[in-house]
Amino acid sequence: MKTKILLFGLLIGAAMVIFTCSKKDGAGSDNVVSKEIIAKFKAKGFNTEGIEKVAGQNGQDAYLVEYCTLVTEKELDQMTDPTIVNGPFGEQYRTYNLVNKPLTIKIQGPTSPTKINTAIDQAIARYNARNLQIKFTRVTSSPDITVKVVSGSAGGVSGFPSNGKPYPNVTIYSQTTSYSQAVVTHVVTHELGHTIGFRHSDYFNRSLSCGVGGNEGASTVGAVLIPGTTQGFDAKSVMNSCFSTSSNGIFSSYDTIALNQLYK
């Protein structure tokens, strides 16, 4: 039996599972979500417990669902029906837009908390060790990506590239630092993956890593299968929707294939 406890995500079974997100930030709101909207999310396979109406990009209303996924009503209407998966199936996916290469991506982050600072350095080292045509480097000014820490439950959010540039912001929530360094590094590595164009590896069925949830949908950003990653659900992928306290932020073999396909 799976037990659920809310903590910016879910605790499932004996291991803690924390959502990391591919959607853009939004500020919480006390606005009531209509029964019609809740029904739409349920029809797409989402768990609507705790759903909130929030301020989206460009003043658009959006909805924070499953404690981390930010979806506008337009995006919701464009989503496909939930995918039912019998057994382990999954691959790595990317958005339509990628980062131009070659490119050195400059990251500015906080020097504290120490775990966040260390996680940024470790994530940069792991991406750069792949000898890709994109490189990450830390700067103290004029960044391409700013990593910020805000008060909140564990996890993080970021977004996808546009115009050949990485998404400019990564938000890590403060309670992330209550977990091990390996978990914190996992969160930062995951969010940087979104900024260069990676979707969740289990975007089509979040329940594979989260225990609940359905198809996130391709929306307007796309969900393009990356060749060479079709060998079954990759439970070790850094880009899965949810992760456990044993996660370490180290790329799986299929994560590495995906990185090489896009940026080698």
C-alpha atoms as a PDB file:
ATOM      1  CA  MET A   1       0.000   0.000   0.000  1.00  0.00           C
ATOM      2  CA  LYS A   2       1.246   3.490  -0.846  1.00  0.00           C
ATOM      3  CA  THR A   3       0.968   6.195   1.766  1.00  0.00           C
ATOM      4  CA  LYS A   4       0.681   9.858   0.780  1.00  0.00           C
ATOM      5  CA  ILE A   5       1.905  12.758   2.887  1.00  0.00           C
ATOM      6  CA  LEU A   6       1.969  16.278   1.462  1.00  0.00           C
ATOM      7  CA  LEU A   7       5.320  18.043   1.384  1.00  0.00           C
ATOM      8  CA  PHE A   8       5.504  20.061  -1.836  1.00  0.00           C
ATOM      9  CA  GLY A   9       4.870  16.690  -3.320  1.00  0.00           C
ATOM     10  CA  LEU A  10       4.277  13.273  -1.845  1.00  0.00           C
ATOM     11  CA  LEU A  11       5.818  10.722   0.418  1.00  0.00           C
ATOM     12  CA  ILE A  12       5.267   7.368  -1.201  1.00  0.00           C
ATOM     13  CA  GLY A  13       5.933   4.149   0.665  1.00  0.00           C
ATOM     14  CA  ALA A  14       9.125   4.188   2.706  1.00  0.00           C
ATOM     15  CA  ALA A  15      11.006   6.672   0.518  1.00  0.00           C
ATOM     16  CA  MET A  16      10.355  10.376   0.298  1.00  0.00           C
ATOM     17  CA  VAL A  17       9.408  11.518  -3.191  1.00  0.00           C
ATOM     18  CA  ILE A  18       9.685  15.212  -3.971  1.00  0.00           C
ATOM     19  CA  PHE A  19       8.400  16.949  -7.071  1.00  0.00           C
ATOM     20  CA  THR A  20      10.716  18.956  -9.259  1.00  0.00           C
ATOM     21  CA  CYS A  21       9.023  20.960 -11.943  1.00  0.00           C
ATOM     22  CA  SER A  22       9.335  22.009 -15.540  1.00  0.00           C
ATOM     23  CA  LYS A  23       6.893  24.871 -15.414  1.00  0.00           C
ATOM     24  CA  LYS A  24       7.560  28.514 -14.729  1.00  0.00           C
ATOM     25  CA  ASP A  25       7.258  30.186 -11.335  1.00  0.00           C
ATOM     26  CA  GLY A  26       3.986  31.620 -10.100  1.00  0.00           C
ATOM     27  CA  ALA A  27       2.989  33.318  -6.866  1.00  0.00           C
ATOM     28  CA  GLY A  28       0.395  31.571  -4.714  1.00  0.00           C
ATOM     29  CA  SER A  29      -3.124  32.898  -4.454  1.00  0.00           C
ATOM     30  CA  ASP A  30      -6.217  32.335  -2.346  1.00  0.00           C
ATOM     31  CA  ASN A  31      -8.442  32.430  -5.422  1.00  0.00           C
ATOM     32  CA  VAL A  32     -10.987  29.642  -5.568  1.00  0.00           C
ATOM     33  CA  VAL A  33     -10.556  27.168  -8.417  1.00  0.00           C
ATOM     34  CA  SER A  34     -13.818  26.448 -10.186  1.00  0.00           C
ATOM     35  CA  LYS A  35     -15.328  22.978 -10.272  1.00  0.00           C
ATOM     36  CA  GLU A  36     -15.089  23.103 -14.078  1.00  0.00           C
ATOM     37  CA  ILE A  37     -11.323  23.633 -13.995  1.00  0.00           C
ATOM     38  CA  ILE A  38     -10.870  20.919 -11.377  1.00  0.00           C
ATOM     39  CA  ALA A  39     -12.863  18.539 -13.587  1.00  0.00           C
ATOM     40  CA  LYS A  40     -10.639  19.367 -16.571  1.00  0.00           C
ATOM     41  CA  PHE A  41      -7.493  18.562 -14.610  1.00  0.00           C
ATOM     42  CA  LYS A  42      -8.976  15.317 -13.329  1.00  0.00           C
ATOM     43  CA  ALA A  43      -9.896  14.345 -16.899  1.00  0.00           C
ATOM     44  CA  LYS A  44      -6.247  14.770 -17.877  1.00  0.00           C
ATOM     45  CA  GLY A  45      -5.107  12.488 -15.062  1.00  0.00           C
ATOM     46  CA  PHE A  46      -3.918  15.079 -12.543  1.00  0.00           C
ATOM     47  CA  ASN A  47      -4.290  14.811  -8.774  1.00  0.00           C
ATOM     48  CA  THR A  48      -6.224  17.995  -7.901  1.00  0.00           C
ATOM     49  CA  GLU A  49      -5.671  17.920  -4.150  1.00  0.00           C
ATOM     50  CA  GLY A  50      -4.281  21.312  -3.117  1.00  0.00           C
ATOM     51  CA  ILE A  51      -4.785  22.918  -6.555  1.00  0.00           C
ATOM     52  CA  GLU A  52      -4.346  26.723  -6.516  1.00  0.00           C
ATOM     53  CA  LYS A  53      -5.073  29.576  -8.903  1.00  0.00           C
ATOM     54  CA  VAL A  54      -1.926  31.677  -9.306  1.00  0.00           C
ATOM     55  CA  ALA A  55      -0.478  34.531 -11.342  1.00  0.00           C
ATOM     56  CA  GLY A  56       1.161  33.187 -14.492  1.00  0.00           C
ATOM     57  CA  GLN A  57       3.410  34.802 -17.058  1.00  0.00           C
ATOM     58  CA  ASN A  58       2.276  38.083 -18.686  1.00  0.00           C
ATOM     59  CA  GLY A  59      -0.606  38.442 -16.259  1.00  0.00           C
ATOM     60  CA  GLN A  60      -2.321  35.248 -17.398  1.00  0.00           C
ATOM     61  CA  ASP A  61      -4.144  33.159 -14.832  1.00  0.00           C
ATOM     62  CA  ALA A  62      -2.580  29.765 -14.242  1.00  0.00           C
ATOM     63  CA  TYR A  63      -3.074  26.826 -11.922  1.00  0.00           C
ATOM     64  CA  LEU A  64      -0.558  25.203  -9.601  1.00  0.00           C
ATOM     65  CA  VAL A  65      -1.433  21.513  -9.601  1.00  0.00           C
ATOM     66  CA  GLU A  66       0.224  18.528  -7.901  1.00  0.00           C
ATOM     67  CA  TYR A  67       2.089  21.120  -5.764  1.00  0.00           C
ATOM     68  CA  CYS A  68       4.541  22.091  -8.475  1.00  0.00           C
ATOM     69  CA  THR A  69       3.209  22.049 -12.028  1.00  0.00           C
ATOM     70  CA  LEU A  70       2.094  25.428 -13.363  1.00  0.00           C
ATOM     71  CA  VAL A  71      -0.458  25.177 -16.188  1.00  0.00           C
ATOM     72  CA  THR A  72      -2.538  27.877 -17.914  1.00  0.00           C
ATOM     73  CA  GLU A  73      -6.102  27.084 -18.937  1.00  0.00           C
ATOM     74  CA  LYS A  74      -5.035  27.318 -22.589  1.00  0.00           C
ATOM     75  CA  GLU A  75      -2.280  24.768 -22.022  1.00  0.00           C
ATOM     76  CA  LEU A  76      -4.726  22.548 -20.152  1.00  0.00           C
ATOM     77  CA  ASP A  77      -7.127  22.561 -23.094  1.00  0.00           C
ATOM     78  CA  GLN A  78      -4.271  21.645 -25.454  1.00  0.00           C
ATOM     79  CA  MET A  79      -3.163  18.635 -23.421  1.00  0.00           C
ATOM     80  CA  THR A  80      -3.861  15.178 -24.754  1.00  0.00           C
ATOM     81  CA  ASP A  81      -5.871  12.648 -22.770  1.00  0.00           C
ATOM     82  CA  PRO A  82      -3.959  10.795 -20.057  1.00  0.00           C
ATOM     83  CA  THR A  83      -1.731   7.980 -21.212  1.00  0.00           C
ATOM     84  CA  ILE A  84      -2.332   4.639 -19.536  1.00  0.00           C
ATOM     85  CA  VAL A  85       0.876   2.659 -19.270  1.00  0.00           C
ATOM     86  CA  ASN A  86       0.867  -1.025 -18.387  1.00  0.00           C
ATOM     87  CA  GLY A  87       4.334  -1.860 -17.164  1.00  0.00           C
ATOM     88  CA  PRO A  88       7.537   0.199 -17.349  1.00  0.00           C
ATOM     89  CA  PHE A  89       7.784   2.314 -20.488  1.00  0.00           C
ATOM     90  CA  GLY A  90       9.526   5.657 -20.768  1.00  0.00           C
ATOM     91  CA  GLU A  91      12.119   7.641 -22.623  1.00  0.00           C
ATOM     92  CA  GLN A  92      13.918  10.984 -22.551  1.00  0.00           C
ATOM     93  CA  TYR A  93      12.180  13.907 -24.207  1.00  0.00           C
ATOM     94  CA  ARG A  94      13.050  17.449 -25.233  1.00  0.00           C
ATOM     95  CA  THR A  95      11.159  20.598 -26.133  1.00  0.00           C
ATOM     96  CA  TYR A  96      10.968  22.036 -29.642  1.00  0.00           C
ATOM     97  CA  ASN A  97      13.379  24.760 -28.593  1.00  0.00           C
ATOM     98  CA  LEU A  98      16.975  24.050 -27.622  1.00  0.00           C
ATOM     99  CA  VAL A  99      19.984  26.172 -26.696  1.00  0.00           C
ATOM    100  CA  ASN A 100      22.210  27.342 -29.543  1.00  0.00           C
ATOM    101  CA  LYS A 101      25.598  25.654 -29.678  1.00  0.00           C
ATOM    102  CA  PRO A 102      28.421  26.167 -29.114  1.00  0.00           C
ATOM    103  CA  LEU A 103      27.661  28.278 -26.049  1.00  0.00           C
ATOM    104  CA  THR A 104      29.069  28.946 -22.613  1.00  0.00           C
ATOM    105  CA  ILE A 105      26.155  29.405 -20.218  1.00  0.00           C
ATOM    106  CA  LYS A 106      26.892  31.713 -17.303  1.00  0.00           C
ATOM    107  CA  ILE A 107      25.254  30.877 -13.978  1.00  0.00           C
ATOM    108  CA  GLN A 108      24.969  33.191 -10.992  1.00  0.00           C
ATOM    109  CA  GLY A 109      23.851  31.699  -7.717  1.00  0.00           C
ATOM    110  CA  PRO A 110      23.914  32.417  -4.001  1.00  0.00           C
ATOM    111  CA  THR A 111      27.003  31.642  -1.945  1.00  0.00           C
ATOM    112  CA  SER A 112      24.700  30.353   0.797  1.00  0.00           C
ATOM    113  CA  PRO A 113      23.171  28.117   1.908  1.00  0.00           C
ATOM    114  CA  THR A 114      26.286  26.005   1.509  1.00  0.00           C
ATOM    115  CA  LYS A 115      24.365  23.003   0.138  1.00  0.00           C
ATOM    116  CA  ILE A 116      22.902  25.090  -2.697  1.00  0.00           C
ATOM    117  CA  ASN A 117      26.272  26.624  -3.488  1.00  0.00           C
ATOM    118  CA  THR A 118      27.901  23.189  -3.562  1.00  0.00           C
ATOM    119  CA  ALA A 119      25.039  21.753  -5.632  1.00  0.00           C
ATOM    120  CA  ILE A 120      25.519  24.384  -8.332  1.00  0.00           C
ATOM    121  CA  ASP A 121      29.235  23.598  -8.541  1.00  0.00           C
ATOM    122  CA  GLN A 122      28.597  19.855  -8.669  1.00  0.00           C
ATOM    123  CA  ALA A 123      25.885  20.192 -11.312  1.00  0.00           C
ATOM    124  CA  ILE A 124      28.141  22.357 -13.471  1.00  0.00           C
ATOM    125  CA  ALA A 125      30.973  19.830 -13.142  1.00  0.00           C
ATOM    126  CA  ARG A 126      28.691  16.947 -14.156  1.00  0.00           C
ATOM    127  CA  TYR A 127      27.394  18.685 -17.267  1.00  0.00           C
ATOM    128  CA  ASN A 128      30.867  19.872 -18.273  1.00  0.00           C
ATOM    129  CA  ALA A 129      32.324  16.366 -17.780  1.00  0.00           C
ATOM    130  CA  ARG A 130      30.178  15.233 -20.733  1.00  0.00           C
ATOM    131  CA  ASN A 131      32.359  17.382 -23.075  1.00  0.00           C
ATOM    132  CA  LEU A 132      29.352  18.919 -24.774  1.00  0.00           C
ATOM    133  CA  GLN A 133      29.223  21.916 -27.095  1.00  0.00           C
ATOM    134  CA  ILE A 134      27.518  23.803 -24.302  1.00  0.00           C
ATOM    135  CA  LYS A 135      29.451  24.575 -21.141  1.00  0.00           C
ATOM    136  CA  PHE A 136      28.380  25.973 -17.792  1.00  0.00           C
ATOM    137  CA  THR A 137      30.429  28.425 -15.769  1.00  0.00           C
ATOM    138  CA  ARG A 138      29.770  30.460 -12.612  1.00  0.00           C
ATOM    139  CA  VAL A 139      29.825  34.240 -12.690  1.00  0.00           C
ATOM    140  CA  THR A 140      29.112  37.041 -10.250  1.00  0.00           C
ATOM    141  CA  SER A 141      27.405  39.337 -12.765  1.00  0.00           C
ATOM    142  CA  SER A 142      25.616  39.337 -16.133  1.00  0.00           C
ATOM    143  CA  PRO A 143      24.403  35.718 -15.928  1.00  0.00           C
ATOM    144  CA  ASP A 144      22.425  33.744 -18.467  1.00  0.00           C
ATOM    145  CA  ILE A 145      20.791  31.803 -15.617  1.00  0.00           C
ATOM    146  CA  THR A 146      20.174  33.044 -12.085  1.00  0.00           C
ATOM    147  CA  VAL A 147      19.683  30.448  -9.360  1.00  0.00           C
ATOM    148  CA  LYS A 148      17.740  31.819  -6.416  1.00  0.00           C
ATOM    149  CA  VAL A 149      16.573  30.348  -3.128  1.00  0.00           C
ATOM    150  CA  VAL A 150      13.138  31.296  -1.810  1.00  0.00           C
ATOM    151  CA  SER A 151      11.241  30.280   1.279  1.00  0.00           C
ATOM    152  CA  GLY A 152       9.132  27.198   0.783  1.00  0.00           C
ATOM    153  CA  SER A 153       8.922  23.441   0.807  1.00  0.00           C
ATOM    154  CA  ALA A 154      11.483  21.202  -0.868  1.00  0.00           C
ATOM    155  CA  GLY A 155      11.889  21.136  -4.634  1.00  0.00           C
ATOM    156  CA  GLY A 156      12.468  23.573  -7.433  1.00  0.00           C
ATOM    157  CA  VAL A 157      11.057  25.097 -10.612  1.00  0.00           C
ATOM    158  CA  SER A 158      12.470  26.424 -13.864  1.00  0.00           C
ATOM    159  CA  GLY A 159      11.441  26.729 -17.521  1.00  0.00           C
ATOM    160  CA  PHE A 160      12.416  25.978 -21.099  1.00  0.00           C
ATOM    161  CA  PRO A 161      14.690  27.677 -23.676  1.00  0.00           C
ATOM    162  CA  SER A 162      13.561  30.312 -26.159  1.00  0.00           C
ATOM    163  CA  ASN A 163      15.357  32.095 -28.999  1.00  0.00           C
ATOM    164  CA  GLY A 164      18.343  29.783 -28.604  1.00  0.00           C
ATOM    165  CA  LYS A 165      18.930  30.861 -25.011  1.00  0.00           C
ATOM    166  CA  PRO A 166      18.407  28.918 -21.782  1.00  0.00           C
ATOM    167  CA  TYR A 167      15.527  29.772 -19.490  1.00  0.00           C
ATOM    168  CA  PRO A 168      16.961  32.528 -17.271  1.00  0.00           C
ATOM    169  CA  ASN A 169      15.727  31.517 -13.806  1.00  0.00           C
ATOM    170  CA  VAL A 170      15.971  28.520 -11.510  1.00  0.00           C
ATOM    171  CA  THR A 171      14.147  28.668  -8.177  1.00  0.00           C
ATOM    172  CA  ILE A 172      15.085  26.282  -5.369  1.00  0.00           C
ATOM    173  CA  TYR A 173      12.860  26.169  -2.290  1.00  0.00           C
ATOM    174  CA  SER A 174      14.557  26.601   1.054  1.00  0.00           C
ATOM    175  CA  GLN A 175      13.521  23.329   2.706  1.00  0.00           C
ATOM    176  CA  THR A 176      15.428  21.458   0.011  1.00  0.00           C
ATOM    177  CA  THR A 177      18.506  22.032   2.157  1.00  0.00           C
ATOM    178  CA  SER A 178      17.061  19.855   4.913  1.00  0.00           C
ATOM    179  CA  TYR A 179      17.919  16.857   2.735  1.00  0.00           C
ATOM    180  CA  SER A 180      21.297  15.376   1.818  1.00  0.00           C
ATOM    181  CA  GLN A 181      23.795  17.111  -0.431  1.00  0.00           C
ATOM    182  CA  ALA A 182      23.142  14.438  -3.063  1.00  0.00           C
ATOM    183  CA  VAL A 183      19.415  15.269  -3.140  1.00  0.00           C
ATOM    184  CA  VAL A 184      20.084  19.019  -3.340  1.00  0.00           C
ATOM    185  CA  THR A 185      22.496  18.447  -6.228  1.00  0.00           C
ATOM    186  CA  HIS A 186      19.845  16.305  -7.915  1.00  0.00           C
ATOM    187  CA  VAL A 187      17.307  19.137  -7.706  1.00  0.00           C
ATOM    188  CA  VAL A 188      19.698  21.717  -9.181  1.00  0.00           C
ATOM    189  CA  THR A 189      20.892  19.343 -11.930  1.00  0.00           C
ATOM    190  CA  HIS A 190      17.265  18.544 -12.832  1.00  0.00           C
ATOM    191  CA  GLU A 191      16.226  22.197 -13.048  1.00  0.00           C
ATOM    192  CA  LEU A 192      19.255  23.096 -15.188  1.00  0.00           C
ATOM    193  CA  GLY A 193      18.187  20.263 -17.481  1.00  0.00           C
ATOM    194  CA  HIS A 194      14.879  22.030 -18.072  1.00  0.00           C
ATOM    195  CA  THR A 195      16.619  25.327 -18.867  1.00  0.00           C
ATOM    196  CA  ILE A 196      18.420  23.669 -21.807  1.00  0.00           C
ATOM    197  CA  GLY A 197      15.330  21.930 -23.142  1.00  0.00           C
ATOM    198  CA  PHE A 198      14.730  18.624 -21.358  1.00  0.00           C
ATOM    199  CA  ARG A 199      11.195  17.553 -20.499  1.00  0.00           C
ATOM    200  CA  HIS A 200      10.468  15.096 -17.714  1.00  0.00           C
ATOM    201  CA  SER A 201      11.505  11.616 -18.814  1.00  0.00           C
ATOM    202  CA  ASP A 202       8.097  10.384 -17.655  1.00  0.00           C
ATOM    203  CA  TYR A 203       6.163  13.428 -18.878  1.00  0.00           C
ATOM    204  CA  PHE A 204       3.530  11.173 -20.463  1.00  0.00           C
ATOM    205  CA  ASN A 205       2.750   9.384 -17.182  1.00  0.00           C
ATOM    206  CA  ARG A 206       4.016  11.037 -13.996  1.00  0.00           C
ATOM    207  CA  SER A 207       2.790   8.113 -11.938  1.00  0.00           C
ATOM    208  CA  LEU A 208       5.820   6.109 -13.080  1.00  0.00           C
ATOM    209  CA  SER A 209       8.056   8.095 -10.725  1.00  0.00           C
ATOM    210  CA  CYS A 210       5.510   9.906  -8.543  1.00  0.00           C
ATOM    211  CA  GLY A 211       2.933   7.217  -7.892  1.00  0.00           C
ATOM    212  CA  VAL A 212       0.194   9.632  -9.006  1.00  0.00           C
ATOM    213  CA  GLY A 213      -0.412  11.928 -11.951  1.00  0.00           C
ATOM    214  CA  GLY A 214      -0.919  11.544 -15.665  1.00  0.00           C
ATOM    215  CA  ASN A 215       0.191  13.079 -18.935  1.00  0.00           C
ATOM    216  CA  GLU A 216       1.697  16.570 -18.692  1.00  0.00           C
ATOM    217  CA  GLY A 217       0.959  17.034 -22.391  1.00  0.00           C
ATOM    218  CA  ALA A 218       3.168  18.413 -25.140  1.00  0.00           C
ATOM    219  CA  SER A 219       1.451  21.824 -24.934  1.00  0.00           C
ATOM    220  CA  THR A 220       3.106  24.482 -27.109  1.00  0.00           C
ATOM    221  CA  VAL A 221       6.655  23.582 -26.033  1.00  0.00           C
ATOM    222  CA  GLY A 222       6.645  20.067 -27.451  1.00  0.00           C
ATOM    223  CA  ALA A 223       7.680  16.675 -26.134  1.00  0.00           C
ATOM    224  CA  VAL A 224      10.048  15.192 -28.707  1.00  0.00           C
ATOM    225  CA  LEU A 225      11.451  11.698 -28.209  1.00  0.00           C
ATOM    226  CA  ILE A 226      15.256  11.715 -28.107  1.00  0.00           C
ATOM    227  CA  PRO A 227      16.632   8.874 -30.281  1.00  0.00           C
ATOM    228  CA  GLY A 228      18.440   6.061 -28.525  1.00  0.00           C
ATOM    229  CA  THR A 229      16.538   6.393 -25.243  1.00  0.00           C
ATOM    230  CA  THR A 230      13.682   3.939 -25.910  1.00  0.00           C
ATOM    231  CA  GLN A 231      14.829   1.074 -23.693  1.00  0.00           C
ATOM    232  CA  GLY A 232      12.081   1.178 -21.067  1.00  0.00           C
ATOM    233  CA  PHE A 233      11.319   3.377 -18.066  1.00  0.00           C
ATOM    234  CA  ASP A 234      14.558   4.874 -16.793  1.00  0.00           C
ATOM    235  CA  ALA A 235      14.062   4.909 -13.025  1.00  0.00           C
ATOM    236  CA  LYS A 236      17.522   6.468 -12.580  1.00  0.00           C
ATOM    237  CA  SER A 237      16.953   9.420 -14.903  1.00  0.00           C
ATOM    238  CA  VAL A 238      17.754  12.802 -13.385  1.00  0.00           C
ATOM    239  CA  MET A 239      14.833  14.173 -15.405  1.00  0.00           C
ATOM    240  CA  ASN A 240      12.035  12.050 -13.932  1.00  0.00           C
ATOM    241  CA  SER A 241       9.171  14.073 -12.434  1.00  0.00           C
ATOM    242  CA  CYS A 242       9.800  12.830  -8.890  1.00  0.00           C
ATOM    243  CA  PHE A 243      12.808  11.526  -7.036  1.00  0.00           C
ATOM    244  CA  SER A 244      13.581   9.748  -3.779  1.00  0.00           C
ATOM    245  CA  THR A 245      15.909  10.479  -0.888  1.00  0.00           C
ATOM    246  CA  SER A 246      18.350   8.020  -2.469  1.00  0.00           C
ATOM    247  CA  SER A 247      18.609  10.120  -5.650  1.00  0.00           C
ATOM    248  CA  ASN A 248      22.071  11.553  -6.272  1.00  0.00           C
ATOM    249  CA  GLY A 249      21.835  13.760  -9.366  1.00  0.00           C
ATOM    250  CA  ILE A 250      24.163  11.536 -11.379  1.00  0.00           C
ATOM    251  CA  PHE A 251      23.161  11.145 -15.024  1.00  0.00           C
ATOM    252  CA  SER A 252      21.853   7.742 -16.010  1.00  0.00           C
ATOM    253  CA  SER A 253      23.222   6.058 -19.124  1.00  0.00           C
ATOM    254  CA  TYR A 254      20.167   7.240 -21.082  1.00  0.00           C
ATOM    255  CA  ASP A 255      20.501  10.781 -19.722  1.00  0.00           C
ATOM    256  CA  THR A 256      24.028  10.721 -21.146  1.00  0.00           C
ATOM    257  CA  ILE A 257      22.759   9.466 -24.514  1.00  0.00           C
ATOM    258  CA  ALA A 258      20.193  12.260 -24.515  1.00  0.00           C
ATOM    259  CA  LEU A 259      22.790  14.920 -23.709  1.00  0.00           C
ATOM    260  CA  ASN A 260      25.072  13.607 -26.433  1.00  0.00           C
ATOM    261  CA  GLN A 261      22.255  13.537 -28.990  1.00  0.00           C
ATOM    262  CA  LEU A 262      21.390  17.177 -28.374  1.00  0.00           C
ATOM    263  CA  TYR A 263      24.631  18.885 -27.497  1.00  0.00           C
ATOM    264  CA  LYS A 264      27.673  16.768 -28.420  1.00  0.00           C
END
